[in-house]
C-alpha atoms as a PDB file:
ATOM      1  CA  THR A   1      68.144 153.722  86.872  1.00  0.00           C
ATOM      2  CA  ASN A   2      66.232 156.263  88.926  1.00  0.00           C
ATOM      3  CA  VAL A   3      67.169 156.723  92.576  1.00  0.00           C
ATOM      4  CA  LEU A   4      65.182 158.672  95.134  1.00  0.00           C
ATOM      5  CA  LEU A   5      66.703 159.027  98.582  1.00  0.00           C
ATOM      6  CA  VAL A   6      64.322 160.136 101.323  1.00  0.00           C
ATOM      7  CA  MET A   7      66.271 161.257 104.376  1.00  0.00           C
ATOM      8  CA  ALA A   8      64.605 162.573 107.525  1.00  0.00           C
ATOM      9  CA  ASP A   9      65.978 163.338 110.965  1.00  0.00           C
ATOM     10  CA  ASP A  10      64.499 161.893 114.143  1.00  0.00           C
ATOM     11  CA  LEU A  11      61.844 159.937 112.273  1.00  0.00           C
ATOM     12  CA  ARG A  12      62.461 156.441 113.553  1.00  0.00           C
ATOM     13  CA  PRO A  13      60.870 153.662 111.504  1.00  0.00           C
ATOM     14  CA  TRP A  14      57.346 154.776 112.477  1.00  0.00           C
ATOM     15  CA  LEU A  15      55.868 154.295 109.019  1.00  0.00           C
ATOM     16  CA  GLY A  16      53.231 151.909 107.734  1.00  0.00           C
ATOM     17  CA  ALA A  17      55.936 150.402 105.521  1.00  0.00           C
ATOM     18  CA  TYR A  18      57.566 149.180 108.746  1.00  0.00           C
ATOM     19  CA  ASP A  19      54.282 147.924 110.231  1.00  0.00           C
ATOM     20  CA  ALA A  20      53.714 150.933 112.503  1.00  0.00           C
ATOM     21  CA  THR A  21      50.066 151.622 113.227  1.00  0.00           C
ATOM     22  CA  ASN A  22      50.295 154.797 115.317  1.00  0.00           C
ATOM     23  CA  LEU A  23      50.911 157.158 112.356  1.00  0.00           C
ATOM     24  CA  LYS A  24      49.282 157.538 108.961  1.00  0.00           C
ATOM     25  CA  THR A  25      51.836 157.847 106.165  1.00  0.00           C
ATOM     26  CA  PRO A  26      49.993 156.698 103.024  1.00  0.00           C
ATOM     27  CA  ASN A  27      52.210 158.458 100.482  1.00  0.00           C
ATOM     28  CA  LEU A  28      55.483 157.176 101.934  1.00  0.00           C
ATOM     29  CA  ASP A  29      53.926 153.716 102.344  1.00  0.00           C
ATOM     30  CA  ARG A  30      52.904 153.677  98.683  1.00  0.00           C
ATOM     31  CA  LEU A  31      56.383 154.837  97.644  1.00  0.00           C
ATOM     32  CA  ALA A  32      57.984 152.108  99.796  1.00  0.00           C
ATOM     33  CA  ALA A  33      55.663 149.439  98.385  1.00  0.00           C
ATOM     34  CA  GLY A  34      56.917 150.184  94.880  1.00  0.00           C
ATOM     35  CA  GLY A  35      60.571 150.396  95.859  1.00  0.00           C
ATOM     36  CA  LEU A  36      63.041 149.158  98.432  1.00  0.00           C
ATOM     37  CA  THR A  37      63.084 149.543 102.202  1.00  0.00           C
ATOM     38  CA  PHE A  38      66.005 148.849 104.488  1.00  0.00           C
ATOM     39  CA  ASP A  39      65.317 146.667 107.518  1.00  0.00           C
ATOM     40  CA  ARG A  40      68.813 146.884 109.023  1.00  0.00           C
ATOM     41  CA  ALA A  41      69.978 150.483 108.889  1.00  0.00           C
ATOM     42  CA  TYR A  42      72.509 151.982 111.268  1.00  0.00           C
ATOM     43  CA  CYS A  43      73.490 155.531 112.082  1.00  0.00           C
ATOM     44  CA  GLN A  44      77.019 156.786 112.604  1.00  0.00           C
ATOM     45  CA  ASN A  45      76.190 158.714 115.758  1.00  0.00           C
ATOM     46  CA  ALA A  46      73.285 159.184 118.146  1.00  0.00           C
ATOM     47  CA  VAL A  47      73.277 162.928 117.372  1.00  0.00           C
ATOM     48  CA  CYS A  48      71.748 163.989 114.060  1.00  0.00           C
ATOM     49  CA  GLY A  49      74.489 166.485 113.018  1.00  0.00           C
ATOM     50  CA  PRO A  50      77.330 163.964 112.820  1.00  0.00           C
ATOM     51  CA  SER A  51      75.047 161.375 111.210  1.00  0.00           C
ATOM     52  CA  ARG A  52      73.903 163.870 108.585  1.00  0.00           C
ATOM     53  CA  ALA A  53      77.506 164.885 107.839  1.00  0.00           C
ATOM     54  CA  SER A  54      78.457 161.214 107.458  1.00  0.00           C
ATOM     55  CA  MET A  55      75.599 160.596 105.046  1.00  0.00           C
ATOM     56  CA  LEU A  56      76.435 163.627 102.920  1.00  0.00           C
ATOM     57  CA  THR A  57      80.214 163.169 102.844  1.00  0.00           C
ATOM     58  CA  GLY A  58      80.596 159.388 103.104  1.00  0.00           C
ATOM     59  CA  LEU A  59      83.038 159.854 105.976  1.00  0.00           C
ATOM     60  CA  ARG A  60      82.884 158.733 109.601  1.00  0.00           C
ATOM     61  CA  PRO A  61      82.505 161.285 112.426  1.00  0.00           C
ATOM     62  CA  ASP A  62      86.071 160.638 113.590  1.00  0.00           C
ATOM     63  CA  THR A  63      87.227 161.734 110.117  1.00  0.00           C
ATOM     64  CA  THR A  64      84.898 164.732 109.734  1.00  0.00           C
ATOM     65  CA  ARG A  65      85.632 165.766 113.347  1.00  0.00           C
ATOM     66  CA  ILE A  66      81.933 166.516 113.841  1.00  0.00           C
ATOM     67  CA  PHE A  67      80.627 165.206 117.135  1.00  0.00           C
ATOM     68  CA  ASP A  68      77.785 167.618 117.966  1.00  0.00           C
ATOM     69  CA  ASN A  69      75.028 169.672 116.324  1.00  0.00           C
ATOM     70  CA  ASP A  70      76.878 172.984 116.641  1.00  0.00           C
ATOM     71  CA  THR A  71      79.698 172.114 114.217  1.00  0.00           C
ATOM     72  CA  HIS A  72      78.927 172.572 110.512  1.00  0.00           C
ATOM     73  CA  PHE A  73      80.536 170.140 108.087  1.00  0.00           C
ATOM     74  CA  ARG A  74      81.258 172.727 105.396  1.00  0.00           C
END
């Protein structure tokens, strides 16, 4: 099984794959059409640093102790 994870900060679901018409994203739309999209995704925190750390470590922000963008998870 091949897995490709595309992760982008502050993107919102403004892609054609999610029926957005204000941006042109033909390559990502084509990739999504041949794969799987998630319609109910949630983030761990409203700030991108803690959310990114959660995604990369599999741990919640209260476990990583990262609550802002100035703290590095390493």
